[in-house]
Amino acid sequence: MMTPRRVVGLLVVGAVILAVGFWLGSQRSRSDLAVAGHPVLDGLKGAVNDVTELRIAKGDGTRVTLKKLPNSWTVAEREYPADSGKVRKLLIDLGALEVVEEKTSDPASYERIGVEDVKSAKATGTQVEAVTPKKTYSVIAGRSSGMKSSYVRVPGAAKSLLASPQVTADANPKQWLDRTMLDVAETRMRDVTVTPATGPAYTVSREKKEQTDFTVSNVPKGRELSNPSAGNAVAGELVSFMLDDVRKAPAATAGAKPTATFRTFDGLEVQIDGVKEGDRHYIAVTPRSTAKETATEAESLAARVKGWQYEIPAYKYDLMFKPLEELLKPKEDKKAPKDKAEPPTT
C-alpha cells in the first residue's frame, strides 16, 4: 500500500534526480561552449574595425607590421601601400576563428603542431597580434589540418587548439604589398621604343588601332622577323604589370640603363628605366601625358610611382628590354655544308 510518507519520499528522490540531471546538462553545455564553437580570440569579432595595427612575426626574425591609415593600410617596413583586401581577409578570419577541439597542453608536443613560442629561432609557427585601442589580441598559428582548419595557441595559454577557419599569415613584408603597379591595355598602345642593354634601339608601332600586328623598325638588311606578330608581345608588356618588391629609389645609379617608352593613342606616355644589381632586377616608372584625355591618369600614376624602384622577376625584366635580335629569325649559317645531290635513279 502506497502511504503518504512513501509518496513524499518518491517525489523527493525524483526531484533530486531531476536536479542532478539539470546540473550535469549545464556542466556539459559549459564544457561544449569552452571547446567547440567558442571564439579563440574572444571579443575580436566585434572589434575588427577597431584594429589599428597587425604584427606578424616568426622565430627566425622575419616580421611585418601593417598599419591602418584613414582609408587604407600600409606595410611599415616598406612605407608602401598594403594589399587592403588581403589584410581585411586576415582580420575577418581572426575574428571568426573558433575552436574545433582541444589539443595538447604539453609544451613538449607544441613543436609537432607548430604552436611553440616564436621566441625560439626554431619555431615554425607564426604569431599574429591584432592591436586595438583597448586590447591586443594574440595567437600563434601553427600547422594546417586539412583545407579549413589549423592548429593554434594563445600565447601564455597551456592548451593548444584545432580551430577554423584556417589562418595563414606570412611574415615577409613583400608578401603584403599592393602588387598592382600598371595596367595599360595593348589595345591602347600606339608604339614602344626600346633601348636594350645590348644591341640597337628599335620601335614597334602601328598607325591605327585596327592594325593587328605591330611593325618593327631598324630590322637589319637581309633579316626578317621571327613571325609577323613578333612585336606584339613588346606592346603588351604593361598589361596587368605586377611588382615583386619595392624600395626607395637611390639618389643615382651608375652605368647605362635600358629603357622602354610606351605611348598610347590617347596621349599617355610611360617610360620604364631598368637597373640590375646582382641577381635583382628593378625598374623606375616615369609617366607623362601629351593630351588632356590622359592628363589625370598620368598625374595619378606619377603620384603613386614617384621616388620608387620596383623589383620584378628576371624573366619579366628580360622581356621588357628584349634585344632586337630576339625578335628576328636566326641567321643562316653560310658555312654549313649543303646536302649532297642524290645520284639519279636508273
C-alpha atoms as a PDB file:
ATOM      1  CA  MET A   1       0.000   0.000   0.000  1.00  0.00           C
ATOM      2  CA  MET A   2       1.316   3.421  -1.013  1.00  0.00           C
ATOM      3  CA  THR A   3       1.463   5.528   2.146  1.00  0.00           C
ATOM      4  CA  PRO A   4       1.707   9.348   2.058  1.00  0.00           C
ATOM      5  CA  ARG A   5       5.207   9.146   3.527  1.00  0.00           C
ATOM      6  CA  ARG A   6       6.325   6.832   0.704  1.00  0.00           C
ATOM      7  CA  VAL A   7       4.792   9.138  -1.914  1.00  0.00           C
ATOM      8  CA  VAL A   8       6.645  12.130  -0.475  1.00  0.00           C
ATOM      9  CA  GLY A   9       9.866  10.113  -0.468  1.00  0.00           C
ATOM     10  CA  LEU A  10       9.475   9.194  -4.108  1.00  0.00           C
ATOM     11  CA  LEU A  11       8.787  12.812  -5.015  1.00  0.00           C
ATOM     12  CA  VAL A  12      11.926  13.921  -3.169  1.00  0.00           C
ATOM     13  CA  VAL A  13      14.031  11.279  -4.929  1.00  0.00           C
ATOM     14  CA  GLY A  14      12.590  12.332  -8.296  1.00  0.00           C
ATOM     15  CA  ALA A  15      13.336  15.975  -7.597  1.00  0.00           C
ATOM     16  CA  VAL A  16      16.929  15.124  -6.693  1.00  0.00           C
ATOM     17  CA  ILE A  17      17.339  13.101  -9.884  1.00  0.00           C
ATOM     18  CA  LEU A  18      15.972  15.984 -11.957  1.00  0.00           C
ATOM     19  CA  ALA A  19      18.238  18.466 -10.208  1.00  0.00           C
ATOM     20  CA  VAL A  20      21.286  16.297 -10.835  1.00  0.00           C
ATOM     21  CA  GLY A  21      20.259  15.913 -14.472  1.00  0.00           C
ATOM     22  CA  PHE A  22      19.891  19.659 -14.936  1.00  0.00           C
ATOM     23  CA  TRP A  23      23.262  20.249 -13.257  1.00  0.00           C
ATOM     24  CA  LEU A  24      25.009  17.688 -15.456  1.00  0.00           C
ATOM     25  CA  GLY A  25      23.379  19.203 -18.542  1.00  0.00           C
ATOM     26  CA  SER A  26      24.514  22.691 -17.631  1.00  0.00           C
ATOM     27  CA  GLN A  27      28.035  21.450 -16.997  1.00  0.00           C
ATOM     28  CA  ARG A  28      28.056  19.714 -20.381  1.00  0.00           C
ATOM     29  CA  SER A  29      26.870  22.904 -22.074  1.00  0.00           C
ATOM     30  CA  ARG A  30      29.593  24.895 -20.385  1.00  0.00           C
ATOM     31  CA  SER A  31      32.180  22.354 -21.466  1.00  0.00           C
ATOM     32  CA  ASP A  32      30.882  22.487 -25.028  1.00  0.00           C
ATOM     33  CA  LEU A  33      30.986  26.285 -25.020  1.00  0.00           C
ATOM     34  CA  ALA A  34      34.555  26.198 -23.780  1.00  0.00           C
ATOM     35  CA  VAL A  35      35.543  23.948 -26.651  1.00  0.00           C
ATOM     36  CA  ALA A  36      33.635  23.525 -29.900  1.00  0.00           C
ATOM     37  CA  GLY A  37      32.350  26.762 -31.381  1.00  0.00           C
ATOM     38  CA  HIS A  38      33.930  29.046 -28.791  1.00  0.00           C
ATOM     39  CA  PRO A  39      35.918  32.036 -30.151  1.00  0.00           C
ATOM     40  CA  VAL A  40      39.660  31.623 -29.909  1.00  0.00           C
ATOM     41  CA  LEU A  41      40.091  35.400 -29.601  1.00  0.00           C
ATOM     42  CA  ASP A  42      37.032  36.350 -27.585  1.00  0.00           C
ATOM     43  CA  GLY A  43      35.816  39.851 -28.452  1.00  0.00           C
ATOM     44  CA  LEU A  44      37.830  40.386 -31.617  1.00  0.00           C
ATOM     45  CA  LYS A  45      34.946  39.658 -33.994  1.00  0.00           C
ATOM     46  CA  GLY A  46      33.106  42.754 -32.791  1.00  0.00           C
ATOM     47  CA  ALA A  47      36.296  44.832 -32.735  1.00  0.00           C
ATOM     48  CA  VAL A  48      37.699  44.032 -36.203  1.00  0.00           C
ATOM     49  CA  ASN A  49      37.006  47.566 -37.427  1.00  0.00           C
ATOM     50  CA  ASP A  50      38.871  48.978 -34.413  1.00  0.00           C
ATOM     51  CA  VAL A  51      42.159  47.222 -35.233  1.00  0.00           C
ATOM     52  CA  THR A  52      44.835  49.818 -35.957  1.00  0.00           C
ATOM     53  CA  GLU A  53      47.819  47.549 -36.422  1.00  0.00           C
ATOM     54  CA  LEU A  54      48.685  43.962 -37.280  1.00  0.00           C
ATOM     55  CA  ARG A  55      52.021  42.494 -36.209  1.00  0.00           C
ATOM     56  CA  ILE A  56      53.168  39.211 -37.706  1.00  0.00           C
ATOM     57  CA  ALA A  57      56.378  37.511 -36.577  1.00  0.00           C
ATOM     58  CA  LYS A  58      58.287  34.233 -36.893  1.00  0.00           C
ATOM     59  CA  GLY A  59      61.007  32.726 -34.753  1.00  0.00           C
ATOM     60  CA  ASP A  60      63.684  33.295 -37.401  1.00  0.00           C
ATOM     61  CA  GLY A  61      63.283  37.071 -37.014  1.00  0.00           C
ATOM     62  CA  THR A  62      61.101  37.638 -40.074  1.00  0.00           C
ATOM     63  CA  ARG A  63      58.395  40.160 -39.228  1.00  0.00           C
ATOM     64  CA  VAL A  64      55.997  42.653 -40.742  1.00  0.00           C
ATOM     65  CA  THR A  65      53.880  45.451 -39.304  1.00  0.00           C
ATOM     66  CA  LEU A  66      50.719  46.512 -41.104  1.00  0.00           C
ATOM     67  CA  LYS A  67      49.379  49.915 -40.078  1.00  0.00           C
ATOM     68  CA  LYS A  68      45.925  51.313 -40.668  1.00  0.00           C
ATOM     69  CA  LEU A  69      45.620  54.703 -42.361  1.00  0.00           C
ATOM     70  CA  PRO A  70      42.373  56.692 -42.730  1.00  0.00           C
ATOM     71  CA  ASN A  71      41.430  54.942 -45.982  1.00  0.00           C
ATOM     72  CA  SER A  72      43.976  52.157 -46.467  1.00  0.00           C
ATOM     73  CA  TRP A  73      46.729  50.031 -44.940  1.00  0.00           C
ATOM     74  CA  THR A  74      50.486  50.369 -45.279  1.00  0.00           C
ATOM     75  CA  VAL A  75      53.460  47.999 -44.906  1.00  0.00           C
ATOM     76  CA  ALA A  76      55.582  49.788 -42.315  1.00  0.00           C
ATOM     77  CA  GLU A  77      58.846  48.090 -43.321  1.00  0.00           C
ATOM     78  CA  ARG A  78      58.468  49.434 -46.875  1.00  0.00           C
ATOM     79  CA  GLU A  79      56.402  52.571 -46.194  1.00  0.00           C
ATOM     80  CA  TYR A  80      54.341  51.420 -49.157  1.00  0.00           C
ATOM     81  CA  PRO A  81      50.618  50.646 -49.588  1.00  0.00           C
ATOM     82  CA  ALA A  82      49.488  47.206 -48.477  1.00  0.00           C
ATOM     83  CA  ASP A  83      47.033  44.922 -50.217  1.00  0.00           C
ATOM     84  CA  SER A  84      43.988  46.046 -48.207  1.00  0.00           C
ATOM     85  CA  GLY A  85      41.874  43.116 -49.381  1.00  0.00           C
ATOM     86  CA  LYS A  86      44.432  40.639 -48.083  1.00  0.00           C
ATOM     87  CA  VAL A  87      44.683  42.488 -44.759  1.00  0.00           C
ATOM     88  CA  ARG A  88      40.907  42.543 -44.427  1.00  0.00           C
ATOM     89  CA  LYS A  89      40.669  38.792 -45.036  1.00  0.00           C
ATOM     90  CA  LEU A  90      43.179  38.071 -42.276  1.00  0.00           C
ATOM     91  CA  LEU A  91      41.252  40.296 -39.847  1.00  0.00           C
ATOM     92  CA  ILE A  92      37.939  38.610 -40.668  1.00  0.00           C
ATOM     93  CA  ASP A  93      39.492  35.140 -40.317  1.00  0.00           C
ATOM     94  CA  LEU A  94      40.989  36.045 -36.920  1.00  0.00           C
ATOM     95  CA  GLY A  95      37.665  37.421 -35.713  1.00  0.00           C
ATOM     96  CA  ALA A  96      35.802  34.323 -36.927  1.00  0.00           C
ATOM     97  CA  LEU A  97      38.367  31.872 -35.506  1.00  0.00           C
ATOM     98  CA  GLU A  98      36.506  29.224 -33.491  1.00  0.00           C
ATOM     99  CA  VAL A  99      37.568  26.139 -31.566  1.00  0.00           C
ATOM    100  CA  VAL A 100      37.009  22.803 -33.281  1.00  0.00           C
ATOM    101  CA  GLU A 101      38.531  20.791 -30.450  1.00  0.00           C
ATOM    102  CA  GLU A 102      41.153  20.997 -27.747  1.00  0.00           C
ATOM    103  CA  LYS A 103      44.589  19.522 -28.418  1.00  0.00           C
ATOM    104  CA  THR A 104      47.751  19.055 -26.408  1.00  0.00           C
ATOM    105  CA  SER A 105      48.675  21.056 -23.308  1.00  0.00           C
ATOM    106  CA  ASP A 106      52.155  19.520 -23.178  1.00  0.00           C
ATOM    107  CA  PRO A 107      54.810  22.081 -24.212  1.00  0.00           C
ATOM    108  CA  ALA A 108      56.984  19.213 -25.413  1.00  0.00           C
ATOM    109  CA  SER A 109      54.365  18.480 -28.081  1.00  0.00           C
ATOM    110  CA  TYR A 110      53.885  22.060 -29.307  1.00  0.00           C
ATOM    111  CA  GLU A 111      56.605  21.680 -31.911  1.00  0.00           C
ATOM    112  CA  ARG A 112      54.773  18.795 -33.555  1.00  0.00           C
ATOM    113  CA  ILE A 113      51.831  21.046 -34.473  1.00  0.00           C
ATOM    114  CA  GLY A 114      53.812  24.287 -34.822  1.00  0.00           C
ATOM    115  CA  VAL A 115      52.462  26.287 -31.864  1.00  0.00           C
ATOM    116  CA  GLU A 116      55.619  26.745 -29.795  1.00  0.00           C
ATOM    117  CA  ASP A 117      56.574  30.279 -28.703  1.00  0.00           C
ATOM    118  CA  VAL A 118      58.121  32.273 -31.535  1.00  0.00           C
ATOM    119  CA  LYS A 119      60.867  33.412 -29.168  1.00  0.00           C
ATOM    120  CA  SER A 120      62.608  30.235 -30.262  1.00  0.00           C
ATOM    121  CA  ALA A 121      64.581  30.525 -33.503  1.00  0.00           C
ATOM    122  CA  LYS A 122      63.451  27.002 -34.388  1.00  0.00           C
ATOM    123  CA  ALA A 123      59.742  27.797 -34.034  1.00  0.00           C
ATOM    124  CA  THR A 124      57.765  27.019 -37.180  1.00  0.00           C
ATOM    125  CA  GLY A 125      54.547  28.823 -36.298  1.00  0.00           C
ATOM    126  CA  THR A 126      53.639  32.467 -36.809  1.00  0.00           C
ATOM    127  CA  GLN A 127      52.473  34.852 -34.097  1.00  0.00           C
ATOM    128  CA  VAL A 128      49.796  37.341 -35.118  1.00  0.00           C
ATOM    129  CA  GLU A 129      48.841  40.331 -32.968  1.00  0.00           C
ATOM    130  CA  ALA A 130      45.800  42.478 -33.717  1.00  0.00           C
ATOM    131  CA  VAL A 131      46.109  45.789 -31.884  1.00  0.00           C
ATOM    132  CA  THR A 132      43.060  47.857 -30.868  1.00  0.00           C
ATOM    133  CA  PRO A 133      42.960  50.932 -28.605  1.00  0.00           C
ATOM    134  CA  LYS A 134      41.569  48.794 -25.765  1.00  0.00           C
ATOM    135  CA  LYS A 135      43.263  45.425 -26.211  1.00  0.00           C
ATOM    136  CA  THR A 136      45.846  43.451 -28.170  1.00  0.00           C
ATOM    137  CA  TYR A 137      44.631  40.059 -29.394  1.00  0.00           C
ATOM    138  CA  SER A 138      47.352  37.492 -29.992  1.00  0.00           C
ATOM    139  CA  VAL A 139      47.509  33.966 -31.391  1.00  0.00           C
ATOM    140  CA  ILE A 140      50.176  31.591 -32.667  1.00  0.00           C
ATOM    141  CA  ALA A 141      49.120  29.999 -35.953  1.00  0.00           C
ATOM    142  CA  GLY A 142      50.682  26.585 -36.444  1.00  0.00           C
ATOM    143  CA  ARG A 143      50.413  23.803 -38.979  1.00  0.00           C
ATOM    144  CA  SER A 144      47.345  23.394 -41.144  1.00  0.00           C
ATOM    145  CA  SER A 145      44.972  20.470 -40.750  1.00  0.00           C
ATOM    146  CA  GLY A 146      43.086  19.782 -43.939  1.00  0.00           C
ATOM    147  CA  MET A 147      41.754  22.661 -46.033  1.00  0.00           C
ATOM    148  CA  LYS A 148      39.699  24.547 -43.458  1.00  0.00           C
ATOM    149  CA  SER A 149      41.444  24.404 -40.093  1.00  0.00           C
ATOM    150  CA  SER A 150      44.817  24.785 -38.407  1.00  0.00           C
ATOM    151  CA  TYR A 151      46.432  24.358 -35.008  1.00  0.00           C
ATOM    152  CA  VAL A 152      46.634  27.477 -32.856  1.00  0.00           C
ATOM    153  CA  ARG A 153      47.537  28.546 -29.356  1.00  0.00           C
ATOM    154  CA  VAL A 154      47.057  31.785 -27.488  1.00  0.00           C
ATOM    155  CA  PRO A 155      50.494  32.861 -26.119  1.00  0.00           C
ATOM    156  CA  GLY A 156      50.694  32.141 -22.397  1.00  0.00           C
ATOM    157  CA  ALA A 157      47.925  29.527 -22.525  1.00  0.00           C
ATOM    158  CA  ALA A 158      48.732  25.857 -21.975  1.00  0.00           C
ATOM    159  CA  LYS A 159      46.048  24.400 -24.235  1.00  0.00           C
ATOM    160  CA  SER A 160      46.576  24.265 -27.972  1.00  0.00           C
ATOM    161  CA  LEU A 161      43.536  24.080 -30.215  1.00  0.00           C
ATOM    162  CA  LEU A 162      42.366  22.893 -33.580  1.00  0.00           C
ATOM    163  CA  ALA A 163      40.498  25.903 -34.959  1.00  0.00           C
ATOM    164  CA  SER A 164      38.660  27.065 -38.059  1.00  0.00           C
ATOM    165  CA  PRO A 165      38.874  28.919 -40.422  1.00  0.00           C
ATOM    166  CA  GLN A 166      42.446  28.158 -41.358  1.00  0.00           C
ATOM    167  CA  VAL A 167      44.732  31.096 -40.529  1.00  0.00           C
ATOM    168  CA  THR A 168      47.729  31.755 -42.762  1.00  0.00           C
ATOM    169  CA  ALA A 169      49.821  34.865 -42.188  1.00  0.00           C
ATOM    170  CA  ASP A 170      53.128  35.449 -43.981  1.00  0.00           C
ATOM    171  CA  ALA A 171      55.709  37.417 -42.002  1.00  0.00           C
ATOM    172  CA  ASN A 172      57.595  38.540 -45.109  1.00  0.00           C
ATOM    173  CA  PRO A 173      56.821  42.260 -45.715  1.00  0.00           C
ATOM    174  CA  LYS A 174      56.849  41.974 -49.508  1.00  0.00           C
ATOM    175  CA  GLN A 175      54.004  39.450 -49.419  1.00  0.00           C
ATOM    176  CA  TRP A 176      51.676  42.185 -48.098  1.00  0.00           C
ATOM    177  CA  LEU A 177      52.435  44.848 -50.706  1.00  0.00           C
ATOM    178  CA  ASP A 178      49.799  46.094 -53.101  1.00  0.00           C
ATOM    179  CA  ARG A 179      51.402  44.398 -56.111  1.00  0.00           C
ATOM    180  CA  THR A 180      49.319  46.115 -58.773  1.00  0.00           C
ATOM    181  CA  MET A 181      51.502  48.696 -60.480  1.00  0.00           C
ATOM    182  CA  LEU A 182      50.482  49.235 -64.099  1.00  0.00           C
ATOM    183  CA  ASP A 183      47.685  48.039 -66.338  1.00  0.00           C
ATOM    184  CA  VAL A 184      47.726  49.638 -69.786  1.00  0.00           C
ATOM    185  CA  ALA A 185      45.814  47.599 -72.344  1.00  0.00           C
ATOM    186  CA  GLU A 186      47.616  46.594 -75.525  1.00  0.00           C
ATOM    187  CA  THR A 187      44.589  47.885 -77.478  1.00  0.00           C
ATOM    188  CA  ARG A 188      45.570  51.425 -76.413  1.00  0.00           C
ATOM    189  CA  MET A 189      49.191  51.109 -77.469  1.00  0.00           C
ATOM    190  CA  ARG A 190      50.470  53.065 -80.479  1.00  0.00           C
ATOM    191  CA  ASP A 191      54.207  52.439 -80.222  1.00  0.00           C
ATOM    192  CA  VAL A 192      57.027  51.354 -77.943  1.00  0.00           C
ATOM    193  CA  THR A 193      60.650  52.438 -78.271  1.00  0.00           C
ATOM    194  CA  VAL A 194      63.123  50.034 -76.684  1.00  0.00           C
ATOM    195  CA  THR A 195      66.771  50.746 -75.950  1.00  0.00           C
ATOM    196  CA  PRO A 196      68.086  47.391 -74.659  1.00  0.00           C
ATOM    197  CA  ALA A 197      71.245  46.883 -72.628  1.00  0.00           C
ATOM    198  CA  THR A 198      72.913  45.405 -75.717  1.00  0.00           C
ATOM    199  CA  GLY A 199      72.249  45.846 -79.401  1.00  0.00           C
ATOM    200  CA  PRO A 200      70.498  48.630 -81.336  1.00  0.00           C
ATOM    201  CA  ALA A 201      67.366  50.510 -80.290  1.00  0.00           C
ATOM    202  CA  TYR A 202      64.141  49.768 -82.127  1.00  0.00           C
ATOM    203  CA  THR A 203      60.466  50.728 -82.175  1.00  0.00           C
ATOM    204  CA  VAL A 204      57.362  48.597 -82.513  1.00  0.00           C
ATOM    205  CA  SER A 205      54.426  50.623 -83.826  1.00  0.00           C
ATOM    206  CA  ARG A 206      51.142  50.732 -85.682  1.00  0.00           C
ATOM    207  CA  GLU A 207      49.299  53.565 -87.413  1.00  0.00           C
ATOM    208  CA  LYS A 208      45.760  52.575 -86.382  1.00  0.00           C
ATOM    209  CA  LYS A 209      44.177  50.647 -83.516  1.00  0.00           C
ATOM    210  CA  GLU A 210      42.628  48.306 -86.035  1.00  0.00           C
ATOM    211  CA  GLN A 211      46.068  47.172 -87.178  1.00  0.00           C
ATOM    212  CA  THR A 212      46.530  43.682 -85.744  1.00  0.00           C
ATOM    213  CA  ASP A 213      50.318  43.372 -85.798  1.00  0.00           C
ATOM    214  CA  PHE A 214      52.922  45.944 -84.821  1.00  0.00           C
ATOM    215  CA  THR A 215      55.680  46.719 -87.280  1.00  0.00           C
ATOM    216  CA  VAL A 216      59.284  46.703 -86.087  1.00  0.00           C
ATOM    217  CA  SER A 217      61.822  49.335 -87.109  1.00  0.00           C
ATOM    218  CA  ASN A 218      65.575  49.029 -87.585  1.00  0.00           C
ATOM    219  CA  VAL A 219      65.492  45.442 -88.843  1.00  0.00           C
ATOM    220  CA  PRO A 220      68.913  44.814 -90.452  1.00  0.00           C
ATOM    221  CA  LYS A 221      69.096  44.318 -94.199  1.00  0.00           C
ATOM    222  CA  GLY A 222      68.674  40.699 -95.147  1.00  0.00           C
ATOM    223  CA  ARG A 223      66.971  39.786 -91.866  1.00  0.00           C
ATOM    224  CA  GLU A 224      63.282  39.318 -91.038  1.00  0.00           C
ATOM    225  CA  LEU A 225      61.015  38.955 -88.019  1.00  0.00           C
ATOM    226  CA  SER A 226      60.612  35.526 -86.478  1.00  0.00           C
ATOM    227  CA  ASN A 227      56.889  35.909 -87.227  1.00  0.00           C
ATOM    228  CA  PRO A 228      54.564  38.794 -88.246  1.00  0.00           C
ATOM    229  CA  SER A 229      53.356  39.296 -84.645  1.00  0.00           C
ATOM    230  CA  ALA A 230      56.813  39.302 -83.031  1.00  0.00           C
ATOM    231  CA  GLY A 231      56.445  42.934 -81.913  1.00  0.00           C
ATOM    232  CA  ASN A 232      53.050  42.418 -80.272  1.00  0.00           C
ATOM    233  CA  ALA A 233      54.486  40.946 -77.079  1.00  0.00           C
ATOM    234  CA  VAL A 234      56.590  44.090 -76.577  1.00  0.00           C
ATOM    235  CA  ALA A 235      53.486  46.278 -76.885  1.00  0.00           C
ATOM    236  CA  GLY A 236      51.630  44.197 -74.308  1.00  0.00           C
ATOM    237  CA  GLU A 237      54.194  44.364 -71.520  1.00  0.00           C
ATOM    238  CA  LEU A 238      52.200  46.827 -69.364  1.00  0.00           C
ATOM    239  CA  VAL A 239      49.080  44.660 -69.157  1.00  0.00           C
ATOM    240  CA  SER A 240      48.476  43.610 -65.505  1.00  0.00           C
ATOM    241  CA  PHE A 241      52.067  44.506 -64.625  1.00  0.00           C
ATOM    242  CA  MET A 242      52.834  43.348 -61.071  1.00  0.00           C
ATOM    243  CA  LEU A 243      55.733  44.081 -58.715  1.00  0.00           C
ATOM    244  CA  ASP A 244      57.637  41.606 -56.547  1.00  0.00           C
ATOM    245  CA  ASP A 245      59.061  44.110 -54.072  1.00  0.00           C
ATOM    246  CA  VAL A 246      59.732  47.833 -53.754  1.00  0.00           C
ATOM    247  CA  ARG A 247      62.410  50.184 -52.440  1.00  0.00           C
ATOM    248  CA  LYS A 248      63.059  53.906 -52.256  1.00  0.00           C
ATOM    249  CA  ALA A 249      64.875  54.974 -55.421  1.00  0.00           C
ATOM    250  CA  PRO A 250      68.611  55.591 -54.826  1.00  0.00           C
ATOM    251  CA  ALA A 251      69.930  59.092 -55.499  1.00  0.00           C
ATOM    252  CA  ALA A 252      71.825  57.802 -58.549  1.00  0.00           C
ATOM    253  CA  THR A 253      72.707  54.540 -60.248  1.00  0.00           C
ATOM    254  CA  ALA A 254      75.894  54.065 -62.236  1.00  0.00           C
ATOM    255  CA  GLY A 255      76.086  52.749 -65.777  1.00  0.00           C
ATOM    256  CA  ALA A 256      73.852  52.846 -68.817  1.00  0.00           C
ATOM    257  CA  LYS A 257      70.268  51.810 -68.249  1.00  0.00           C
ATOM    258  CA  PRO A 258      67.989  50.006 -70.671  1.00  0.00           C
ATOM    259  CA  THR A 259      64.768  51.905 -71.332  1.00  0.00           C
ATOM    260  CA  ALA A 260      61.362  51.228 -72.861  1.00  0.00           C
ATOM    261  CA  THR A 261      58.948  54.075 -73.603  1.00  0.00           C
ATOM    262  CA  PHE A 262      55.301  53.187 -74.199  1.00  0.00           C
ATOM    263  CA  ARG A 263      52.939  55.616 -75.981  1.00  0.00           C
ATOM    264  CA  THR A 264      49.191  55.223 -76.340  1.00  0.00           C
ATOM    265  CA  PHE A 265      46.859  56.648 -78.987  1.00  0.00           C
ATOM    266  CA  ASP A 266      45.205  58.827 -76.342  1.00  0.00           C
ATOM    267  CA  GLY A 267      48.409  60.557 -75.229  1.00  0.00           C
ATOM    268  CA  LEU A 268      49.682  58.565 -72.243  1.00  0.00           C
ATOM    269  CA  GLU A 269      53.449  58.012 -72.188  1.00  0.00           C
ATOM    270  CA  VAL A 270      55.166  55.678 -69.729  1.00  0.00           C
ATOM    271  CA  GLN A 271      58.943  55.481 -69.591  1.00  0.00           C
ATOM    272  CA  ILE A 272      60.474  52.430 -67.901  1.00  0.00           C
ATOM    273  CA  ASP A 273      64.152  52.503 -66.842  1.00  0.00           C
ATOM    274  CA  GLY A 274      65.865  49.279 -65.811  1.00  0.00           C
ATOM    275  CA  VAL A 275      68.519  48.655 -63.163  1.00  0.00           C
ATOM    276  CA  LYS A 276      70.255  45.335 -62.466  1.00  0.00           C
ATOM    277  CA  GLU A 277      72.025  44.702 -59.177  1.00  0.00           C
ATOM    278  CA  GLY A 278      73.453  41.212 -58.970  1.00  0.00           C
ATOM    279  CA  ASP A 279      70.525  38.842 -59.359  1.00  0.00           C
ATOM    280  CA  ARG A 280      67.941  41.558 -58.603  1.00  0.00           C
ATOM    281  CA  HIS A 281      66.064  43.449 -61.313  1.00  0.00           C
ATOM    282  CA  TYR A 282      64.488  46.855 -60.714  1.00  0.00           C
ATOM    283  CA  ILE A 283      62.567  49.350 -62.804  1.00  0.00           C
ATOM    284  CA  ALA A 284      61.679  53.016 -62.321  1.00  0.00           C
ATOM    285  CA  VAL A 285      58.470  54.366 -63.873  1.00  0.00           C
ATOM    286  CA  THR A 286      58.028  57.883 -65.278  1.00  0.00           C
ATOM    287  CA  PRO A 287      54.533  58.672 -66.641  1.00  0.00           C
ATOM    288  CA  ARG A 288      53.671  61.706 -68.786  1.00  0.00           C
ATOM    289  CA  SER A 289      50.739  62.903 -70.871  1.00  0.00           C
ATOM    290  CA  THR A 290      50.583  64.736 -74.183  1.00  0.00           C
ATOM    291  CA  ALA A 291      46.787  65.092 -74.276  1.00  0.00           C
ATOM    292  CA  LYS A 292      44.018  66.338 -71.989  1.00  0.00           C
ATOM    293  CA  GLU A 293      42.280  62.964 -72.126  1.00  0.00           C
ATOM    294  CA  THR A 294      45.073  61.275 -70.175  1.00  0.00           C
ATOM    295  CA  ALA A 295      46.375  64.155 -68.052  1.00  0.00           C
ATOM    296  CA  THR A 296      44.568  62.991 -64.888  1.00  0.00           C
ATOM    297  CA  GLU A 297      45.622  59.387 -65.424  1.00  0.00           C
ATOM    298  CA  ALA A 298      49.274  60.408 -65.785  1.00  0.00           C
ATOM    299  CA  GLU A 299      49.151  62.630 -62.696  1.00  0.00           C
ATOM    300  CA  SER A 300      47.580  59.900 -60.574  1.00  0.00           C
ATOM    301  CA  LEU A 301      50.125  57.350 -61.734  1.00  0.00           C
ATOM    302  CA  ALA A 302      53.022  59.748 -61.172  1.00  0.00           C
ATOM    303  CA  ALA A 303      51.905  60.405 -57.603  1.00  0.00           C
ATOM    304  CA  ARG A 304      51.964  56.670 -56.897  1.00  0.00           C
ATOM    305  CA  VAL A 305      55.298  55.731 -58.507  1.00  0.00           C
ATOM    306  CA  LYS A 306      57.454  58.815 -57.932  1.00  0.00           C
ATOM    307  CA  GLY A 307      60.532  58.067 -55.844  1.00  0.00           C
ATOM    308  CA  TRP A 308      60.211  54.266 -56.028  1.00  0.00           C
ATOM    309  CA  GLN A 309      62.045  51.464 -57.739  1.00  0.00           C
ATOM    310  CA  TYR A 310      60.142  48.231 -58.255  1.00  0.00           C
ATOM    311  CA  GLU A 311      61.689  44.792 -58.145  1.00  0.00           C
ATOM    312  CA  ILE A 312      60.313  42.486 -60.843  1.00  0.00           C
ATOM    313  CA  PRO A 313      61.123  38.895 -61.884  1.00  0.00           C
ATOM    314  CA  ALA A 314      64.174  38.390 -64.075  1.00  0.00           C
ATOM    315  CA  TYR A 315      62.112  36.946 -66.932  1.00  0.00           C
ATOM    316  CA  LYS A 316      59.814  39.982 -66.892  1.00  0.00           C
ATOM    317  CA  TYR A 317      62.806  42.325 -66.943  1.00  0.00           C
ATOM    318  CA  ASP A 318      64.303  40.475 -69.916  1.00  0.00           C
ATOM    319  CA  LEU A 319      61.016  40.698 -71.826  1.00  0.00           C
ATOM    320  CA  MET A 320      60.687  44.402 -71.097  1.00  0.00           C
ATOM    321  CA  PHE A 321      64.116  45.204 -72.585  1.00  0.00           C
ATOM    322  CA  LYS A 322      64.288  42.431 -75.160  1.00  0.00           C
ATOM    323  CA  PRO A 323      67.132  42.886 -77.714  1.00  0.00           C
ATOM    324  CA  LEU A 324      66.091  43.289 -81.337  1.00  0.00           C
ATOM    325  CA  GLU A 325      67.916  40.090 -82.220  1.00  0.00           C
ATOM    326  CA  GLU A 326      65.366  38.087 -80.220  1.00  0.00           C
ATOM    327  CA  LEU A 327      62.568  39.318 -82.496  1.00  0.00           C
ATOM    328  CA  LEU A 328      64.323  38.074 -85.652  1.00  0.00           C
ATOM    329  CA  LYS A 329      64.734  34.747 -87.335  1.00  0.00           C
ATOM    330  CA  PRO A 330      68.101  33.147 -86.573  1.00  0.00           C
ATOM    331  CA  LYS A 331      70.879  33.914 -89.030  1.00  0.00           C
ATOM    332  CA  GLU A 332      71.573  31.218 -91.580  1.00  0.00           C
ATOM    333  CA  ASP A 333      74.929  29.531 -91.182  1.00  0.00           C
ATOM    334  CA  LYS A 334      76.505  30.052 -94.612  1.00  0.00           C
ATOM    335  CA  LYS A 335      79.375  27.738 -93.706  1.00  0.00           C
ATOM    336  CA  ALA A 336      77.071  24.797 -93.174  1.00  0.00           C
ATOM    337  CA  PRO A 337      77.686  22.059 -95.813  1.00  0.00           C
ATOM    338  CA  LYS A 338      74.994  21.731 -98.431  1.00  0.00           C
ATOM    339  CA  ASP A 339      73.225  18.427 -98.799  1.00  0.00           C
ATOM    340  CA  LYS A 340      74.886  16.254-101.468  1.00  0.00           C
ATOM    341  CA  ALA A 341      72.726  15.633-104.510  1.00  0.00           C
ATOM    342  CA  GLU A 342      71.405  12.119-104.679  1.00  0.00           C
ATOM    343  CA  PRO A 343      72.596  10.053-107.707  1.00  0.00           C
ATOM    344  CA  PRO A 344      69.985   9.686-110.414  1.00  0.00           C
ATOM    345  CA  THR A 345      67.984   6.516-110.345  1.00  0.00           C
ATOM    346  CA  THR A 346      68.087   4.164-113.304  1.00  0.00           C
END
